[in-house]
Amino acid sequence: MFPILRPVLVLCALQGCSALHVGTHETCGETVTRTVLEAVPYYEQQSTGTTTRMVERAFCKYWVCEEGYSRQLGGECVPLSQVNFSPAAPLQSTGVAKIFGLMLGKRLDDPEIQNFRLNGATAEHEQSILEDYIIFRDKGLEFNFWQRVLTHVYFFNEGSRDAAVGVLEMHRYQGSLPFGLSFSLTRRQVQNIFGRPMFTLDGWDEYDIKDTRQILKINYDTNSEYDANAKILSIVLKSADAAG
């Protein structure tokens, strides 16, 4: 039916994935067109109290579109002539983004960090060899430090899991979110507002912030970079040089 895809199907067969499927994939439950789709198992560490176990999950891995097409958000294969590959213009840092953005790069012992208060919320301080975490769990806010320098500010949605420090549940951040974002927005809605991300991979998108060395990172509840209906798990202001 799609002769150009035959070499892909051969490769697919060699790697044990599913055959060409147009419509809704039975395992992944996602609608695809002109695409080869594979359900890939992986193992995830899951902790409950003092018990830790490995749980098998599955995520969807997409293969290529026909020659001359590009895979877009939502899984559609769109002709290259119709695709704008330019990333969105840098976002203007104002309001909440500017206030918290000015804190990035400050040291853990800086008076501004030490004196930060959030409506009387209690801060938890977690540490590792190179990292520190100041967590306002009930308020859905977290500061991440690398070698005692603030590199990330997290705004969590309700129930978001912060696996880095073993915090299973975070309350939703109730204040104003950076750049007018809302936790109710889907990935497609965010991209309709901001445009094409500067970088996208699996469950997150990144946007450049104008005239700063900072990035807006949005984490979604998905393992697929093409999941248009994914909801926001957390919003992150991060230093451009920071990992993660």
Protein backbone atom coordinates (compact mmCIF):
# COMPACT_ATOMS: atom_id res chain seq x y z
CA MET A 1 0.00 0.00 0.00
CA PHE A 2 2.92 2.30 0.80
CA PRO A 3 5.84 0.97 -1.28
CA ILE A 4 8.29 3.58 0.03
CA LEU A 5 7.91 2.11 3.51
CA ARG A 6 9.03 -1.39 2.57
CA PRO A 7 12.67 -0.88 3.68
CA VAL A 8 11.35 0.42 6.99
CA LEU A 9 9.17 -2.64 7.40
CA VAL A 10 12.20 -4.87 6.84
CA LEU A 11 14.10 -2.95 9.51
CA CYS A 12 11.06 -3.11 11.74
CA ALA A 13 10.81 -6.88 11.34
CA LEU A 14 14.49 -7.30 12.19
CA GLN A 15 14.00 -5.36 15.41
CA GLY A 16 10.83 -7.17 16.36
CA CYS A 17 8.33 -4.35 16.19
CA SER A 18 4.80 -4.34 14.88
CA ALA A 19 3.89 -4.22 11.22
CA LEU A 20 2.60 -1.11 9.50
CA HIS A 21 -0.63 -0.05 11.14
CA VAL A 22 -2.96 2.74 10.09
CA GLY A 23 -5.61 3.68 12.61
CA THR A 24 -5.53 3.05 16.36
CA HIS A 25 -2.69 0.92 17.66
CA GLU A 26 -4.07 -1.83 19.96
CA THR A 27 -1.28 -1.61 22.53
CA CYS A 28 -0.50 2.08 22.45
CA GLY A 29 -4.03 3.31 21.90
CA GLU A 30 -2.87 6.14 19.67
CA THR A 31 -4.08 7.07 16.20
CA VAL A 32 -1.37 7.15 13.53
CA THR A 33 -1.24 7.58 9.78
CA ARG A 34 1.54 6.55 7.39
CA THR A 35 3.63 5.55 10.39
CA VAL A 36 5.14 2.39 11.82
CA LEU A 37 4.45 2.14 15.53
CA GLU A 38 6.04 -0.07 18.17
CA ALA A 39 5.06 -0.76 21.78
CA VAL A 40 8.35 -0.92 23.69
CA PRO A 41 8.53 -2.42 27.20
CA TYR A 42 10.68 -0.84 29.89
CA TYR A 43 11.04 -1.18 33.63
CA GLU A 44 10.31 1.57 36.11
CA GLN A 45 11.34 1.67 39.75
CA GLN A 46 8.30 2.15 41.97
CA SER A 47 8.58 2.88 45.68
CA THR A 48 5.83 2.49 48.26
CA GLY A 49 6.95 3.30 51.75
CA THR A 50 10.02 1.19 52.40
CA THR A 51 9.33 -1.26 49.58
CA THR A 52 10.87 -0.80 46.14
CA ARG A 53 10.05 -2.92 43.11
CA MET A 54 10.53 -2.86 39.36
CA VAL A 55 7.32 -2.49 37.37
CA GLU A 56 7.06 -3.26 33.66
CA ARG A 57 5.54 -0.46 31.62
CA ALA A 58 5.19 0.21 27.93
CA PHE A 59 5.61 3.29 25.84
CA CYS A 60 5.00 3.99 22.18
CA LYS A 61 7.87 4.43 19.77
CA TYR A 62 7.18 5.88 16.37
CA TRP A 63 9.08 5.09 13.20
CA VAL A 64 9.41 7.18 10.07
CA CYS A 65 6.83 8.71 7.79
CA GLU A 66 6.89 8.32 4.03
CA GLU A 67 9.72 10.02 2.18
CA GLY A 68 8.97 13.73 1.86
CA TYR A 69 6.88 13.81 5.06
CA SER A 70 7.66 14.88 8.62
CA ARG A 71 6.11 13.55 11.81
CA GLN A 72 4.29 16.29 13.71
CA LEU A 73 2.62 16.70 17.08
CA GLY A 74 -0.39 14.40 17.23
CA GLY A 75 1.26 11.77 15.03
CA GLU A 76 0.33 13.23 11.66
CA CYS A 77 2.75 12.85 8.78
CA VAL A 78 2.81 16.24 7.05
CA PRO A 79 4.49 17.10 3.72
CA LEU A 80 7.83 18.82 4.29
CA SER A 81 6.68 21.76 2.18
CA GLN A 82 4.00 22.51 4.79
CA VAL A 83 6.25 22.31 7.86
CA ASN A 84 7.85 25.30 9.56
CA PHE A 85 10.94 23.95 11.29
CA SER A 86 11.91 27.27 12.88
CA PRO A 87 11.57 27.32 16.69
CA ALA A 88 9.36 29.89 18.37
CA ALA A 89 10.76 33.33 19.10
CA PRO A 90 12.29 33.62 22.59
CA LEU A 91 9.79 34.31 25.36
CA GLN A 92 9.81 37.68 27.10
CA SER A 93 10.69 37.32 30.80
CA THR A 94 8.10 39.20 32.86
CA GLY A 95 6.10 38.74 36.05
CA VAL A 96 6.59 35.42 37.83
CA ALA A 97 9.17 34.23 35.32
CA LYS A 98 11.28 37.33 35.90
CA ILE A 99 10.97 37.22 39.71
CA PHE A 100 12.06 33.60 40.01
CA GLY A 101 14.43 33.87 37.05
CA LEU A 102 16.44 36.50 38.91
CA MET A 103 17.03 33.94 41.66
CA LEU A 104 18.67 31.46 39.30
CA GLY A 105 22.44 31.43 39.74
CA LYS A 106 22.30 32.48 43.37
CA ARG A 107 24.04 30.33 45.97
CA LEU A 108 22.23 28.35 48.64
CA ASP A 109 23.68 30.59 51.37
CA ASP A 110 22.60 33.80 49.61
CA PRO A 111 20.37 35.89 51.94
CA GLU A 112 17.65 36.06 49.25
CA ILE A 113 17.45 32.26 49.19
CA GLN A 114 17.75 31.84 52.95
CA ASN A 115 15.06 34.44 53.62
CA PHE A 116 12.61 33.18 50.97
CA ARG A 117 9.19 32.44 52.43
CA LEU A 118 6.05 31.11 50.78
CA ASN A 119 2.98 31.99 52.85
CA GLY A 120 4.55 30.44 55.93
CA ALA A 121 5.04 27.04 54.28
CA THR A 122 7.62 24.73 55.83
CA ALA A 123 10.60 24.02 53.62
CA GLU A 124 12.21 20.58 53.48
CA HIS A 125 15.92 20.41 52.72
CA GLU A 126 17.18 17.28 50.95
CA GLN A 127 20.84 16.77 50.08
CA SER A 128 23.10 14.56 48.01
CA ILE A 129 26.83 14.84 47.34
CA LEU A 130 26.48 17.54 44.67
CA GLU A 131 22.83 18.58 44.88
CA ASP A 132 20.51 20.31 47.31
CA TYR A 133 16.73 20.50 47.12
CA ILE A 134 14.58 23.05 48.96
CA ILE A 135 11.04 21.67 48.75
CA PHE A 136 7.76 23.36 49.63
CA ARG A 137 5.72 20.20 49.19
CA ASP A 138 2.38 21.61 50.33
CA LYS A 139 2.82 24.58 47.99
CA GLY A 140 4.04 22.66 44.93
CA LEU A 141 7.33 24.58 44.63
CA GLU A 142 10.91 23.34 44.62
CA PHE A 143 14.38 24.83 44.22
CA ASN A 144 17.14 22.59 42.84
CA PHE A 145 20.80 23.46 43.46
CA TRP A 146 23.89 22.03 41.76
CA GLN A 147 27.03 22.48 43.82
CA ARG A 148 25.01 24.89 45.96
CA VAL A 149 24.02 27.13 43.00
CA LEU A 150 20.32 27.44 42.11
CA THR A 151 19.77 25.91 38.64
CA HIS A 152 16.07 24.93 38.56
CA VAL A 153 12.78 26.26 39.96
CA TYR A 154 9.92 23.73 39.71
CA PHE A 155 6.19 24.54 39.76
CA PHE A 156 4.31 21.27 40.27
CA ASN A 157 0.85 20.17 39.24
CA GLU A 158 -1.28 18.21 41.71
CA GLY A 159 0.08 14.73 42.32
CA SER A 160 3.26 15.29 40.34
CA ARG A 161 5.99 12.94 41.40
CA ASP A 162 9.45 14.23 42.19
CA ALA A 163 11.47 11.04 41.82
CA ALA A 164 14.82 12.81 42.19
CA VAL A 165 14.45 13.21 45.94
CA GLY A 166 11.96 10.41 46.63
CA VAL A 167 8.98 12.73 47.13
CA LEU A 168 6.03 10.75 45.80
CA GLU A 169 3.37 13.45 45.80
CA MET A 170 3.48 17.21 45.41
CA HIS A 171 0.55 19.55 45.88
CA ARG A 172 -0.39 21.86 43.04
CA TYR A 173 1.30 25.24 42.93
CA GLN A 174 -1.52 27.73 43.41
CA GLY A 175 0.22 30.98 42.47
CA SER A 176 0.54 32.61 39.08
CA LEU A 177 2.54 30.45 36.67
CA PRO A 178 5.30 31.69 34.35
CA PHE A 179 4.24 33.16 30.99
CA GLY A 180 0.53 32.87 31.79
CA LEU A 181 0.57 29.07 31.64
CA SER A 182 -2.16 26.92 33.19
CA PHE A 183 -1.96 23.30 34.33
CA SER A 184 -5.18 22.65 32.40
CA LEU A 185 -3.45 23.21 29.04
CA THR A 186 -2.55 20.31 26.77
CA ARG A 187 0.71 20.09 24.87
CA ARG A 188 -1.02 21.10 21.64
CA GLN A 189 -2.57 24.15 23.31
CA VAL A 190 0.81 25.21 24.71
CA GLN A 191 2.44 24.87 21.29
CA ASN A 192 -0.43 26.80 19.70
CA ILE A 193 0.36 29.66 22.12
CA PHE A 194 4.17 29.58 22.14
CA GLY A 195 4.97 27.95 18.81
CA ARG A 196 7.43 25.19 17.99
CA PRO A 197 9.69 24.32 20.97
CA MET A 198 13.40 25.03 20.77
CA PHE A 199 13.89 21.42 21.88
CA THR A 200 11.50 18.54 22.41
CA LEU A 201 12.06 14.98 23.59
CA ASP A 202 9.59 12.37 24.80
CA GLY A 203 7.78 14.01 27.73
CA TRP A 204 9.16 17.55 27.70
CA ASP A 205 9.49 20.70 25.61
CA GLU A 206 11.93 23.59 26.06
CA TYR A 207 11.63 27.25 25.06
CA ASP A 208 14.30 29.94 25.07
CA ILE A 209 13.75 33.00 27.30
CA LYS A 210 14.76 36.28 25.63
CA ASP A 211 17.89 38.13 26.76
CA THR A 212 18.68 35.64 29.52
CA ARG A 213 20.68 32.46 29.97
CA GLN A 214 17.47 30.73 30.98
CA ILE A 215 15.06 28.16 29.58
CA LEU A 216 11.40 27.34 30.16
CA LYS A 217 10.95 23.57 30.40
CA ILE A 218 7.51 21.93 30.44
CA ASN A 219 7.18 18.32 31.59
CA TYR A 220 4.15 16.34 30.39
CA ASP A 221 2.47 13.11 31.49
CA THR A 222 3.64 11.13 28.46
CA ASN A 223 6.61 9.23 27.04
CA SER A 224 5.91 10.37 23.48
CA GLU A 225 6.99 13.70 21.99
CA TYR A 226 4.00 13.43 19.62
CA ASP A 227 1.29 13.14 22.29
CA ALA A 228 -0.78 16.26 21.60
CA ASN A 229 -3.23 15.70 24.47
CA ALA A 230 -0.61 15.26 27.20
CA LYS A 231 -1.21 17.36 30.33
CA ILE A 232 1.38 19.41 32.20
CA LEU A 233 3.08 17.70 35.15
CA SER A 234 5.48 20.49 36.03
CA ILE A 235 6.80 23.80 34.75
CA VAL A 236 10.49 24.56 35.21
CA LEU A 237 12.61 27.68 34.98
CA LYS A 238 16.22 26.53 34.52
CA SER A 239 19.64 27.89 33.79
CA ALA A 240 20.62 27.31 30.17
CA ASP A 241 23.81 25.53 31.21
CA ALA A 242 22.08 23.20 33.69
CA ALA A 243 21.55 19.53 32.93
CA GLY A 244 18.09 18.01 33.08
